[in-house]
Amino acid sequence: SDGETLGIVGSNGAGKSTLLKVLSRITKPTKGRVEICGRVGSLLEVGTGFHNELSGRENIYLNGAILGMKRAEIQKKFDEIVEFSEIERFLDTPLKHYSSGMYMRLAFSVAAHLDPEILIVDEVLAVGDVGFQKKCLGKMRDIGESGRTILFVSHDMRAVARLCSRVVWLDNGNVRGDGQSDAVIAEYLHEQTNISSVWKADELKPTGN
């Protein structure tokens, strides 16, 4: 819903990234349908929506055009995007020469500043330094407080708890939990701890010859 920050948690292979790709119209669902009202800005795995042969500058305009924005609209946001990304020195360098951290800085800045009504962010935020991660989380909080919707996938439960009011727990493509962030995260972590304990106990069992 409008202004909601929704966290999506689950173990690897649970379907989190696939869900975001479906919502971002990168992957078609095998069944069912998705209804989206508003402009979507997505930050998925590094490389999605960018062209490696083009410069950072050219990719900003390319992404704006993909979102349906006019050149004048993108130009109004251009300086803000560059300042936030902190990669001004490399703006005219082709993206194929960017490090993964630089790539993520530009990708997040573009996704967050081109006025999306819905911002979709995957675990890719884990790429890069801690300072910039905090900066991104602060920007996402600002976006949510401005009345726009955020979908946030992360294995960092502290970040999910701080940012999200509601959390959906996915398990093998199915919804295991959906509700207030603290309650769902506690339930998810409790199960993960039990699974880990069982695995360690099995590891320690003597093996017969």
N, C-alpha and C. Protein backbone atom coordinates (compact mmCIF):
# COMPACT_ATOMS: atom_id res chain seq x y z
N SER A 1 0.83 -1.19 0.00
CA SER A 1 0.00 0.00 0.00
C SER A 1 0.88 1.25 0.00
N ASP A 2 0.29 2.41 -0.29
CA ASP A 2 1.04 3.66 -0.36
C ASP A 2 1.74 3.94 0.97
N GLY A 3 3.03 4.29 0.88
CA GLY A 3 3.78 4.66 2.08
C GLY A 3 4.23 3.50 2.93
N GLU A 4 3.98 2.28 2.49
CA GLU A 4 4.39 1.10 3.27
C GLU A 4 5.80 0.67 2.90
N THR A 5 6.58 0.32 3.91
CA THR A 5 7.90 -0.26 3.68
C THR A 5 7.82 -1.73 4.07
N LEU A 6 7.85 -2.60 3.05
CA LEU A 6 7.64 -4.03 3.25
C LEU A 6 8.95 -4.78 3.11
N GLY A 7 9.32 -5.51 4.15
CA GLY A 7 10.51 -6.34 4.09
C GLY A 7 10.15 -7.75 3.66
N ILE A 8 11.04 -8.38 2.91
CA ILE A 8 10.84 -9.78 2.49
C ILE A 8 12.07 -10.57 2.92
N VAL A 9 11.84 -11.59 3.76
CA VAL A 9 12.94 -12.38 4.29
C VAL A 9 12.73 -13.85 3.93
N GLY A 10 13.80 -14.61 4.08
CA GLY A 10 13.75 -16.04 3.77
C GLY A 10 15.13 -16.54 3.46
N SER A 11 15.32 -17.83 3.55
CA SER A 11 16.63 -18.43 3.27
C SER A 11 16.92 -18.39 1.77
N ASN A 12 18.15 -18.70 1.40
CA ASN A 12 18.51 -18.73 -0.02
C ASN A 12 17.64 -19.74 -0.76
N GLY A 13 17.14 -19.34 -1.92
CA GLY A 13 16.30 -20.22 -2.71
C GLY A 13 14.83 -20.17 -2.35
N ALA A 14 14.46 -19.26 -1.43
CA ALA A 14 13.06 -19.18 -0.99
C ALA A 14 12.16 -18.52 -2.03
N GLY A 15 12.76 -17.77 -2.96
CA GLY A 15 11.96 -17.12 -4.00
C GLY A 15 11.90 -15.60 -3.88
N LYS A 16 12.73 -15.03 -3.02
CA LYS A 16 12.70 -13.58 -2.78
C LYS A 16 13.07 -12.79 -4.02
N SER A 17 14.22 -13.10 -4.59
CA SER A 17 14.69 -12.36 -5.77
C SER A 17 13.80 -12.60 -6.98
N THR A 18 13.30 -13.82 -7.10
CA THR A 18 12.38 -14.13 -8.21
C THR A 18 11.13 -13.27 -8.11
N LEU A 19 10.61 -13.14 -6.90
CA LEU A 19 9.42 -12.30 -6.69
C LEU A 19 9.70 -10.86 -7.13
N LEU A 20 10.85 -10.33 -6.74
CA LEU A 20 11.18 -8.95 -7.11
C LEU A 20 11.35 -8.79 -8.62
N LYS A 21 11.90 -9.82 -9.27
CA LYS A 21 12.04 -9.76 -10.73
C LYS A 21 10.68 -9.77 -11.41
N VAL A 22 9.75 -10.53 -10.87
CA VAL A 22 8.40 -10.54 -11.42
C VAL A 22 7.75 -9.16 -11.24
N LEU A 23 7.90 -8.59 -10.04
CA LEU A 23 7.32 -7.28 -9.76
C LEU A 23 7.98 -6.17 -10.59
N SER A 24 9.25 -6.38 -10.96
CA SER A 24 9.98 -5.39 -11.77
C SER A 24 9.79 -5.62 -13.27
N ARG A 25 8.99 -6.63 -13.62
CA ARG A 25 8.69 -6.97 -15.01
C ARG A 25 9.91 -7.46 -15.77
N ILE A 26 10.85 -8.06 -15.05
CA ILE A 26 12.03 -8.67 -15.68
C ILE A 26 11.72 -10.12 -16.02
N THR A 27 10.99 -10.78 -15.14
CA THR A 27 10.59 -12.17 -15.32
C THR A 27 9.07 -12.27 -15.34
N LYS A 28 8.54 -13.08 -16.25
CA LYS A 28 7.09 -13.28 -16.31
C LYS A 28 6.69 -14.39 -15.34
N PRO A 29 5.60 -14.21 -14.61
CA PRO A 29 5.16 -15.28 -13.71
C PRO A 29 4.66 -16.49 -14.51
N THR A 30 4.90 -17.69 -14.00
CA THR A 30 4.43 -18.90 -14.68
C THR A 30 2.92 -19.04 -14.56
N LYS A 31 2.37 -18.45 -13.49
CA LYS A 31 0.91 -18.41 -13.34
C LYS A 31 0.55 -17.21 -12.48
N GLY A 32 -0.71 -16.82 -12.55
CA GLY A 32 -1.16 -15.67 -11.79
C GLY A 32 -0.81 -14.36 -12.49
N ARG A 33 -1.05 -13.26 -11.80
CA ARG A 33 -0.74 -11.95 -12.38
C ARG A 33 -0.37 -10.97 -11.27
N VAL A 34 0.28 -9.89 -11.69
CA VAL A 34 0.70 -8.85 -10.76
C VAL A 34 0.12 -7.53 -11.23
N GLU A 35 -0.48 -6.79 -10.33
CA GLU A 35 -1.00 -5.46 -10.65
C GLU A 35 -0.16 -4.42 -9.91
N ILE A 36 0.41 -3.50 -10.67
CA ILE A 36 1.27 -2.47 -10.10
C ILE A 36 0.72 -1.10 -10.48
N CYS A 37 0.53 -0.25 -9.49
CA CYS A 37 0.03 1.11 -9.75
C CYS A 37 1.13 2.09 -9.39
N GLY A 38 1.79 2.63 -10.41
CA GLY A 38 2.85 3.61 -10.16
C GLY A 38 4.15 3.24 -10.85
N ARG A 39 5.04 4.21 -10.92
CA ARG A 39 6.36 4.04 -11.53
C ARG A 39 7.25 3.25 -10.59
N VAL A 40 7.93 2.23 -11.13
CA VAL A 40 8.76 1.34 -10.31
C VAL A 40 10.24 1.63 -10.56
N GLY A 41 10.98 1.84 -9.49
CA GLY A 41 12.44 1.92 -9.55
C GLY A 41 13.00 0.68 -8.89
N SER A 42 13.90 -0.03 -9.58
CA SER A 42 14.40 -1.32 -9.07
C SER A 42 15.91 -1.31 -8.92
N LEU A 43 16.37 -1.88 -7.83
CA LEU A 43 17.79 -2.13 -7.63
C LEU A 43 17.92 -3.60 -7.29
N LEU A 44 18.18 -4.40 -8.33
CA LEU A 44 18.29 -5.84 -8.16
C LEU A 44 19.76 -6.23 -8.23
N GLU A 45 20.10 -7.38 -8.80
CA GLU A 45 21.51 -7.74 -8.82
C GLU A 45 22.29 -6.76 -9.68
N VAL A 46 23.57 -6.59 -9.37
CA VAL A 46 24.41 -5.63 -10.08
C VAL A 46 24.36 -5.92 -11.58
N GLY A 47 24.04 -4.90 -12.35
CA GLY A 47 24.01 -5.05 -13.81
C GLY A 47 22.64 -4.94 -14.41
N THR A 48 21.58 -5.17 -13.60
CA THR A 48 20.23 -5.13 -14.14
C THR A 48 19.86 -3.70 -14.53
N GLY A 49 19.49 -3.52 -15.80
CA GLY A 49 19.03 -2.21 -16.27
C GLY A 49 20.13 -1.26 -16.70
N PHE A 50 21.37 -1.71 -16.70
CA PHE A 50 22.49 -0.87 -17.11
C PHE A 50 23.19 -1.48 -18.33
N HIS A 51 23.86 -0.61 -19.09
CA HIS A 51 24.60 -1.05 -20.27
C HIS A 51 26.08 -0.83 -20.03
N ASN A 52 26.85 -1.92 -20.03
CA ASN A 52 28.26 -1.87 -19.66
C ASN A 52 29.13 -1.00 -20.57
N GLU A 53 28.75 -0.87 -21.82
CA GLU A 53 29.56 -0.09 -22.76
C GLU A 53 29.32 1.41 -22.65
N LEU A 54 28.22 1.78 -21.99
CA LEU A 54 27.89 3.20 -21.84
C LEU A 54 28.49 3.75 -20.55
N SER A 55 28.69 5.06 -20.53
CA SER A 55 29.25 5.72 -19.35
C SER A 55 28.19 5.83 -18.25
N GLY A 56 28.65 6.22 -17.06
CA GLY A 56 27.70 6.46 -15.98
C GLY A 56 26.69 7.52 -16.35
N ARG A 57 27.16 8.58 -16.97
CA ARG A 57 26.28 9.67 -17.39
C ARG A 57 25.20 9.16 -18.35
N GLU A 58 25.63 8.40 -19.36
CA GLU A 58 24.69 7.89 -20.36
C GLU A 58 23.68 6.92 -19.74
N ASN A 59 24.13 6.14 -18.76
CA ASN A 59 23.24 5.19 -18.11
C ASN A 59 22.17 5.88 -17.25
N ILE A 60 22.50 7.02 -16.69
CA ILE A 60 21.49 7.78 -15.94
C ILE A 60 20.35 8.18 -16.87
N TYR A 61 20.70 8.70 -18.05
CA TYR A 61 19.67 9.11 -19.01
C TYR A 61 18.92 7.90 -19.57
N LEU A 62 19.65 6.80 -19.79
CA LEU A 62 19.02 5.58 -20.30
C LEU A 62 17.97 5.07 -19.33
N ASN A 63 18.32 5.02 -18.03
CA ASN A 63 17.37 4.53 -17.03
C ASN A 63 16.17 5.43 -16.90
N GLY A 64 16.39 6.73 -16.97
CA GLY A 64 15.27 7.66 -16.93
C GLY A 64 14.32 7.45 -18.09
N ALA A 65 14.90 7.23 -19.28
CA ALA A 65 14.08 7.00 -20.48
C ALA A 65 13.28 5.70 -20.34
N ILE A 66 13.89 4.67 -19.77
CA ILE A 66 13.19 3.39 -19.56
C ILE A 66 12.00 3.59 -18.62
N LEU A 67 12.17 4.49 -17.64
CA LEU A 67 11.08 4.78 -16.70
C LEU A 67 10.02 5.70 -17.30
N GLY A 68 10.25 6.14 -18.54
CA GLY A 68 9.26 6.99 -19.20
C GLY A 68 9.41 8.47 -18.92
N MET A 69 10.58 8.88 -18.41
CA MET A 69 10.81 10.28 -18.08
C MET A 69 11.34 11.04 -19.29
N LYS A 70 11.00 12.31 -19.36
CA LYS A 70 11.52 13.18 -20.41
C LYS A 70 12.93 13.63 -20.01
N ARG A 71 13.72 14.01 -21.03
CA ARG A 71 15.10 14.41 -20.76
C ARG A 71 15.19 15.55 -19.75
N ALA A 72 14.27 16.51 -19.86
CA ALA A 72 14.27 17.65 -18.94
C ALA A 72 14.03 17.20 -17.50
N GLU A 73 13.17 16.19 -17.31
CA GLU A 73 12.89 15.66 -15.97
C GLU A 73 14.15 15.01 -15.39
N ILE A 74 14.85 14.24 -16.21
CA ILE A 74 16.07 13.57 -15.76
C ILE A 74 17.14 14.60 -15.41
N GLN A 75 17.24 15.65 -16.24
CA GLN A 75 18.25 16.69 -16.03
C GLN A 75 18.07 17.38 -14.68
N LYS A 76 16.81 17.55 -14.27
CA LYS A 76 16.54 18.19 -12.97
C LYS A 76 17.09 17.36 -11.81
N LYS A 77 17.13 16.05 -11.99
CA LYS A 77 17.58 15.14 -10.94
C LYS A 77 19.06 14.77 -11.07
N PHE A 78 19.66 15.14 -12.19
CA PHE A 78 20.98 14.64 -12.55
C PHE A 78 22.03 14.96 -11.47
N ASP A 79 22.15 16.22 -11.08
CA ASP A 79 23.18 16.62 -10.12
C ASP A 79 22.99 15.93 -8.77
N GLU A 80 21.73 15.77 -8.38
CA GLU A 80 21.41 15.10 -7.11
C GLU A 80 21.84 13.64 -7.15
N ILE A 81 21.61 12.99 -8.28
CA ILE A 81 22.01 11.59 -8.45
C ILE A 81 23.53 11.45 -8.34
N VAL A 82 24.23 12.31 -9.04
CA VAL A 82 25.70 12.25 -9.06
C VAL A 82 26.27 12.53 -7.68
N GLU A 83 25.74 13.56 -7.01
CA GLU A 83 26.24 13.92 -5.68
C GLU A 83 26.04 12.78 -4.69
N PHE A 84 24.86 12.15 -4.73
CA PHE A 84 24.58 11.06 -3.80
C PHE A 84 25.49 9.86 -4.07
N SER A 85 25.73 9.56 -5.34
CA SER A 85 26.50 8.37 -5.71
C SER A 85 27.98 8.49 -5.38
N GLU A 86 28.49 9.71 -5.29
CA GLU A 86 29.90 9.97 -4.96
C GLU A 86 30.86 9.39 -6.00
N ILE A 87 30.42 9.35 -7.29
CA ILE A 87 31.31 8.81 -8.33
C ILE A 87 31.53 9.83 -9.46
N GLU A 88 31.49 11.11 -9.10
CA GLU A 88 31.57 12.16 -10.12
C GLU A 88 32.81 12.02 -11.00
N ARG A 89 33.94 11.61 -10.41
CA ARG A 89 35.19 11.49 -11.18
C ARG A 89 35.09 10.45 -12.29
N PHE A 90 34.17 9.48 -12.13
CA PHE A 90 34.08 8.38 -13.09
C PHE A 90 32.82 8.46 -13.95
N LEU A 91 32.19 9.62 -13.96
CA LEU A 91 30.89 9.78 -14.61
C LEU A 91 30.95 9.49 -16.11
N ASP A 92 32.08 9.80 -16.75
CA ASP A 92 32.20 9.59 -18.19
C ASP A 92 33.02 8.35 -18.54
N THR A 93 33.20 7.48 -17.55
CA THR A 93 33.89 6.21 -17.75
C THR A 93 32.86 5.13 -18.06
N PRO A 94 33.13 4.25 -19.05
CA PRO A 94 32.19 3.14 -19.31
C PRO A 94 32.02 2.26 -18.07
N LEU A 95 30.81 1.77 -17.87
CA LEU A 95 30.52 0.99 -16.66
C LEU A 95 31.32 -0.30 -16.58
N LYS A 96 31.81 -0.80 -17.69
CA LYS A 96 32.59 -2.05 -17.66
C LYS A 96 33.88 -1.88 -16.86
N HIS A 97 34.27 -0.62 -16.59
CA HIS A 97 35.48 -0.37 -15.79
C HIS A 97 35.15 -0.06 -14.33
N TYR A 98 33.87 -0.08 -13.96
CA TYR A 98 33.46 0.20 -12.58
C TYR A 98 33.68 -1.02 -11.70
N SER A 99 34.02 -0.78 -10.44
CA SER A 99 34.01 -1.87 -9.45
C SER A 99 32.56 -2.16 -9.10
N SER A 100 32.32 -3.29 -8.42
CA SER A 100 30.95 -3.63 -8.04
C SER A 100 30.39 -2.58 -7.08
N GLY A 101 31.24 -2.02 -6.21
CA GLY A 101 30.78 -0.99 -5.28
C GLY A 101 30.37 0.28 -5.99
N MET A 102 31.15 0.71 -6.99
CA MET A 102 30.81 1.90 -7.77
C MET A 102 29.52 1.69 -8.55
N TYR A 103 29.40 0.50 -9.10
CA TYR A 103 28.20 0.14 -9.86
C TYR A 103 26.95 0.26 -8.98
N MET A 104 27.07 -0.28 -7.76
CA MET A 104 25.95 -0.25 -6.84
C MET A 104 25.61 1.18 -6.43
N ARG A 105 26.63 2.00 -6.20
CA ARG A 105 26.40 3.40 -5.82
C ARG A 105 25.57 4.11 -6.88
N LEU A 106 25.96 3.94 -8.13
CA LEU A 106 25.23 4.60 -9.21
C LEU A 106 23.83 4.01 -9.36
N ALA A 107 23.74 2.69 -9.31
CA ALA A 107 22.44 2.02 -9.49
C ALA A 107 21.45 2.45 -8.42
N PHE A 108 21.89 2.50 -7.16
CA PHE A 108 20.98 2.91 -6.09
C PHE A 108 20.57 4.37 -6.27
N SER A 109 21.53 5.22 -6.59
CA SER A 109 21.24 6.64 -6.75
C SER A 109 20.21 6.88 -7.84
N VAL A 110 20.36 6.17 -8.95
CA VAL A 110 19.41 6.31 -10.06
C VAL A 110 18.03 5.82 -9.63
N ALA A 111 17.98 4.62 -9.03
CA ALA A 111 16.69 4.04 -8.65
C ALA A 111 15.96 4.90 -7.62
N ALA A 112 16.70 5.49 -6.69
CA ALA A 112 16.08 6.23 -5.59
C ALA A 112 15.71 7.66 -5.94
N HIS A 113 16.38 8.25 -6.93
CA HIS A 113 16.17 9.68 -7.20
C HIS A 113 15.29 9.98 -8.41
N LEU A 114 14.95 8.98 -9.20
CA LEU A 114 14.14 9.26 -10.39
C LEU A 114 12.64 9.12 -10.08
N ASP A 115 12.27 9.58 -8.89
CA ASP A 115 10.87 9.70 -8.47
C ASP A 115 10.02 8.44 -8.63
N PRO A 116 10.49 7.27 -8.15
CA PRO A 116 9.63 6.09 -8.24
C PRO A 116 8.52 6.16 -7.20
N GLU A 117 7.32 5.74 -7.59
CA GLU A 117 6.25 5.58 -6.59
C GLU A 117 6.49 4.31 -5.78
N ILE A 118 7.17 3.34 -6.42
CA ILE A 118 7.49 2.06 -5.77
C ILE A 118 8.98 1.79 -5.97
N LEU A 119 9.71 1.62 -4.87
CA LEU A 119 11.14 1.32 -4.94
C LEU A 119 11.37 -0.11 -4.49
N ILE A 120 12.01 -0.90 -5.35
CA ILE A 120 12.28 -2.31 -5.07
C ILE A 120 13.79 -2.50 -4.92
N VAL A 121 14.21 -2.97 -3.75
CA VAL A 121 15.65 -3.08 -3.47
C VAL A 121 15.98 -4.49 -3.00
N ASP A 122 16.93 -5.13 -3.70
CA ASP A 122 17.35 -6.48 -3.35
C ASP A 122 18.62 -6.42 -2.50
N GLU A 123 19.12 -7.57 -2.12
CA GLU A 123 20.28 -7.71 -1.24
C GLU A 123 21.53 -7.03 -1.79
N VAL A 124 21.49 -6.56 -3.01
CA VAL A 124 22.67 -5.95 -3.64
C VAL A 124 23.25 -4.83 -2.80
N LEU A 125 22.47 -4.25 -1.88
CA LEU A 125 23.00 -3.20 -0.99
C LEU A 125 24.17 -3.71 -0.16
N ALA A 126 24.30 -5.01 -0.01
CA ALA A 126 25.40 -5.57 0.76
C ALA A 126 26.74 -5.32 0.08
N VAL A 127 26.72 -5.00 -1.22
CA VAL A 127 27.95 -4.67 -1.94
C VAL A 127 28.32 -3.24 -1.58
N GLY A 128 29.57 -3.01 -1.18
CA GLY A 128 29.99 -1.64 -0.89
C GLY A 128 30.25 -1.43 0.59
N ASP A 129 30.68 -0.21 0.92
CA ASP A 129 31.13 0.06 2.28
C ASP A 129 29.96 0.35 3.21
N VAL A 130 30.23 0.21 4.50
CA VAL A 130 29.20 0.36 5.52
C VAL A 130 28.61 1.76 5.52
N GLY A 131 29.46 2.77 5.32
CA GLY A 131 28.99 4.15 5.32
C GLY A 131 27.96 4.40 4.24
N PHE A 132 28.20 3.87 3.05
CA PHE A 132 27.25 4.09 1.97
C PHE A 132 25.97 3.29 2.19
N GLN A 133 26.09 2.10 2.78
CA GLN A 133 24.90 1.31 3.11
C GLN A 133 23.98 2.10 4.04
N LYS A 134 24.56 2.73 5.06
CA LYS A 134 23.77 3.54 6.00
C LYS A 134 23.11 4.71 5.27
N LYS A 135 23.85 5.30 4.35
CA LYS A 135 23.32 6.41 3.56
C LYS A 135 22.12 5.95 2.73
N CYS A 136 22.23 4.77 2.14
CA CYS A 136 21.13 4.20 1.35
C CYS A 136 19.91 3.92 2.22
N LEU A 137 20.13 3.35 3.40
CA LEU A 137 19.01 3.06 4.30
C LEU A 137 18.32 4.35 4.74
N GLY A 138 19.12 5.40 4.96
CA GLY A 138 18.54 6.69 5.30
C GLY A 138 17.69 7.25 4.17
N LYS A 139 18.18 7.10 2.94
CA LYS A 139 17.42 7.57 1.78
C LYS A 139 16.13 6.78 1.62
N MET A 140 16.20 5.48 1.84
CA MET A 140 15.01 4.64 1.74
C MET A 140 13.98 5.03 2.80
N ARG A 141 14.48 5.37 3.99
CA ARG A 141 13.56 5.81 5.06
C ARG A 141 12.86 7.11 4.64
N ASP A 142 13.61 8.02 4.04
CA ASP A 142 13.03 9.29 3.56
C ASP A 142 11.96 9.04 2.49
N ILE A 143 12.25 8.09 1.59
CA ILE A 143 11.30 7.76 0.52
C ILE A 143 10.00 7.21 1.13
N GLY A 144 10.14 6.32 2.11
CA GLY A 144 8.96 5.76 2.76
C GLY A 144 8.15 6.82 3.48
N GLU A 145 8.85 7.74 4.16
CA GLU A 145 8.15 8.80 4.90
C GLU A 145 7.47 9.80 3.98
N SER A 146 7.90 9.84 2.71
CA SER A 146 7.28 10.77 1.75
C SER A 146 6.02 10.17 1.13
N GLY A 147 5.64 8.96 1.57
CA GLY A 147 4.39 8.37 1.10
C GLY A 147 4.53 7.39 -0.04
N ARG A 148 5.78 7.05 -0.39
CA ARG A 148 5.98 6.08 -1.46
C ARG A 148 6.23 4.69 -0.87
N THR A 149 6.11 3.67 -1.71
CA THR A 149 6.16 2.27 -1.26
C THR A 149 7.55 1.69 -1.51
N ILE A 150 8.05 0.90 -0.55
CA ILE A 150 9.35 0.24 -0.69
C ILE A 150 9.19 -1.25 -0.43
N LEU A 151 9.80 -2.06 -1.30
CA LEU A 151 9.95 -3.50 -1.06
C LEU A 151 11.43 -3.76 -0.88
N PHE A 152 11.80 -4.34 0.26
CA PHE A 152 13.20 -4.48 0.63
C PHE A 152 13.51 -5.93 0.98
N VAL A 153 14.40 -6.55 0.21
CA VAL A 153 14.87 -7.91 0.50
C VAL A 153 16.26 -7.83 1.09
N SER A 154 16.46 -8.48 2.23
CA SER A 154 17.79 -8.48 2.84
C SER A 154 17.92 -9.63 3.82
N HIS A 155 19.18 -10.08 4.00
CA HIS A 155 19.49 -11.06 5.04
C HIS A 155 19.92 -10.35 6.32
N ASP A 156 20.02 -9.03 6.26
CA ASP A 156 20.39 -8.24 7.43
C ASP A 156 19.12 -7.91 8.22
N MET A 157 18.83 -8.73 9.22
CA MET A 157 17.58 -8.58 9.96
C MET A 157 17.51 -7.26 10.73
N ARG A 158 18.66 -6.74 11.15
CA ARG A 158 18.66 -5.45 11.84
C ARG A 158 18.20 -4.34 10.91
N ALA A 159 18.69 -4.37 9.67
CA ALA A 159 18.28 -3.36 8.69
C ALA A 159 16.80 -3.49 8.36
N VAL A 160 16.32 -4.73 8.21
CA VAL A 160 14.90 -4.95 7.92
C VAL A 160 14.04 -4.44 9.08
N ALA A 161 14.45 -4.75 10.31
CA ALA A 161 13.67 -4.33 11.48
C ALA A 161 13.63 -2.81 11.61
N ARG A 162 14.76 -2.15 11.31
CA ARG A 162 14.81 -0.68 11.44
C ARG A 162 13.98 0.00 10.37
N LEU A 163 13.97 -0.58 9.17
CA LEU A 163 13.37 0.10 8.02
C LEU A 163 11.91 -0.27 7.80
N CYS A 164 11.54 -1.52 8.09
CA CYS A 164 10.24 -2.04 7.64
C CYS A 164 9.23 -2.14 8.78
N SER A 165 8.02 -1.74 8.48
CA SER A 165 6.92 -1.87 9.45
C SER A 165 6.25 -3.23 9.32
N ARG A 166 6.34 -3.82 8.14
CA ARG A 166 5.71 -5.12 7.87
C ARG A 166 6.71 -6.02 7.16
N VAL A 167 6.67 -7.31 7.48
CA VAL A 167 7.61 -8.27 6.87
C VAL A 167 6.84 -9.49 6.38
N VAL A 168 7.21 -9.96 5.19
CA VAL A 168 6.71 -11.22 4.65
C VAL A 168 7.86 -12.23 4.65
N TRP A 169 7.62 -13.39 5.21
CA TRP A 169 8.61 -14.47 5.26
C TRP A 169 8.26 -15.49 4.19
N LEU A 170 9.17 -15.67 3.22
CA LEU A 170 8.98 -16.65 2.15
C LEU A 170 9.77 -17.91 2.45
N ASP A 171 9.17 -19.05 2.16
CA ASP A 171 9.83 -20.34 2.34
C ASP A 171 9.45 -21.22 1.16
N ASN A 172 10.43 -21.49 0.29
CA ASN A 172 10.20 -22.33 -0.89
C ASN A 172 9.04 -21.83 -1.74
N GLY A 173 8.98 -20.52 -1.91
CA GLY A 173 7.96 -19.92 -2.76
C GLY A 173 6.62 -19.68 -2.08
N ASN A 174 6.50 -20.10 -0.83
CA ASN A 174 5.24 -19.94 -0.10
C ASN A 174 5.39 -18.93 1.03
N VAL A 175 4.31 -18.27 1.39
CA VAL A 175 4.33 -17.31 2.49
C VAL A 175 4.19 -18.06 3.81
N ARG A 176 5.24 -18.00 4.65
CA ARG A 176 5.20 -18.63 5.97
C ARG A 176 4.74 -17.66 7.04
N GLY A 177 4.99 -16.38 6.81
CA GLY A 177 4.60 -15.37 7.79
C GLY A 177 4.36 -14.04 7.13
N ASP A 178 3.47 -13.25 7.67
CA ASP A 178 3.15 -11.93 7.13
C ASP A 178 2.56 -11.09 8.25
N GLY A 179 3.30 -10.07 8.68
CA GLY A 179 2.78 -9.26 9.77
C GLY A 179 3.79 -8.25 10.25
N GLN A 180 3.62 -7.80 11.49
CA GLN A 180 4.50 -6.80 12.09
C GLN A 180 5.94 -7.30 12.05
N SER A 181 6.86 -6.43 11.70
CA SER A 181 8.24 -6.83 11.43
C SER A 181 8.88 -7.59 12.60
N ASP A 182 8.77 -7.08 13.82
CA ASP A 182 9.44 -7.72 14.96
C ASP A 182 8.96 -9.16 15.16
N ALA A 183 7.66 -9.38 15.04
CA ALA A 183 7.10 -10.71 15.28
C ALA A 183 7.54 -11.70 14.20
N VAL A 184 7.47 -11.30 12.93
CA VAL A 184 7.83 -12.21 11.84
C VAL A 184 9.33 -12.50 11.84
N ILE A 185 10.14 -11.48 12.08
CA ILE A 185 11.59 -11.68 12.14
C ILE A 185 11.96 -12.62 13.27
N ALA A 186 11.34 -12.46 14.44
CA ALA A 186 11.62 -13.34 15.58
C ALA A 186 11.28 -14.78 15.24
N GLU A 187 10.14 -14.99 14.58
CA GLU A 187 9.72 -16.34 14.20
C GLU A 187 10.70 -16.94 13.19
N TYR A 188 11.09 -16.14 12.22
CA TYR A 188 12.03 -16.60 11.19
C TYR A 188 13.39 -16.96 11.81
N LEU A 189 13.91 -16.09 12.67
CA LEU A 189 15.21 -16.35 13.29
C LEU A 189 15.16 -17.56 14.22
N HIS A 190 14.03 -17.75 14.88
CA HIS A 190 13.86 -18.92 15.76
C HIS A 190 13.98 -20.21 14.96
N GLU A 191 13.33 -20.24 13.79
CA GLU A 191 13.42 -21.45 12.96
C GLU A 191 14.83 -21.65 12.43
N GLN A 192 15.46 -20.55 11.99
CA GLN A 192 16.82 -20.66 11.45
C GLN A 192 17.78 -21.18 12.52
N THR A 193 17.60 -20.73 13.76
CA THR A 193 18.45 -21.19 14.87
C THR A 193 18.25 -22.67 15.13
N ASN A 194 16.99 -23.11 15.08
CA ASN A 194 16.69 -24.54 15.30
C ASN A 194 17.29 -25.40 14.20
N ILE A 195 17.18 -24.93 12.95
CA ILE A 195 17.76 -25.68 11.82
C ILE A 195 19.26 -25.79 11.97
N SER A 196 19.90 -24.67 12.36
CA SER A 196 21.35 -24.65 12.54
C SER A 196 21.76 -25.60 13.66
N SER A 197 20.99 -25.62 14.76
CA SER A 197 21.31 -26.49 15.89
C SER A 197 21.21 -27.95 15.51
N VAL A 198 20.18 -28.32 14.75
CA VAL A 198 20.01 -29.70 14.30
C VAL A 198 21.16 -30.10 13.40
N TRP A 199 21.55 -29.19 12.49
CA TRP A 199 22.65 -29.49 11.57
C TRP A 199 23.95 -29.73 12.33
N LYS A 200 24.23 -28.88 13.34
CA LYS A 200 25.46 -29.03 14.11
C LYS A 200 25.44 -30.33 14.91
N ALA A 201 24.28 -30.67 15.48
CA ALA A 201 24.18 -31.91 16.26
C ALA A 201 24.41 -33.11 15.37
N ASP A 202 23.85 -33.11 14.18
CA ASP A 202 24.04 -34.22 13.23
C ASP A 202 25.50 -34.35 12.85
N GLU A 203 26.17 -33.19 12.70
CA GLU A 203 27.58 -33.19 12.31
C GLU A 203 28.45 -33.88 13.36
N LEU A 204 28.05 -33.73 14.63
CA LEU A 204 28.86 -34.24 15.73
C LEU A 204 28.62 -35.73 16.02
N LYS A 205 27.57 -36.32 15.40
CA LYS A 205 27.30 -37.73 15.65
C LYS A 205 28.42 -38.61 15.10
N PRO A 206 28.84 -39.62 15.86
CA PRO A 206 29.89 -40.52 15.35
C PRO A 206 29.37 -41.33 14.17
N THR A 207 30.25 -41.60 13.25
CA THR A 207 29.87 -42.38 12.06
C THR A 207 30.41 -43.81 12.22
N GLY A 208 29.60 -44.79 11.84
CA GLY A 208 30.03 -46.17 11.94
C GLY A 208 30.92 -46.56 10.79
N ASN A 209 31.74 -47.62 11.00
CA ASN A 209 32.61 -48.10 9.93
C ASN A 209 31.99 -49.31 9.25
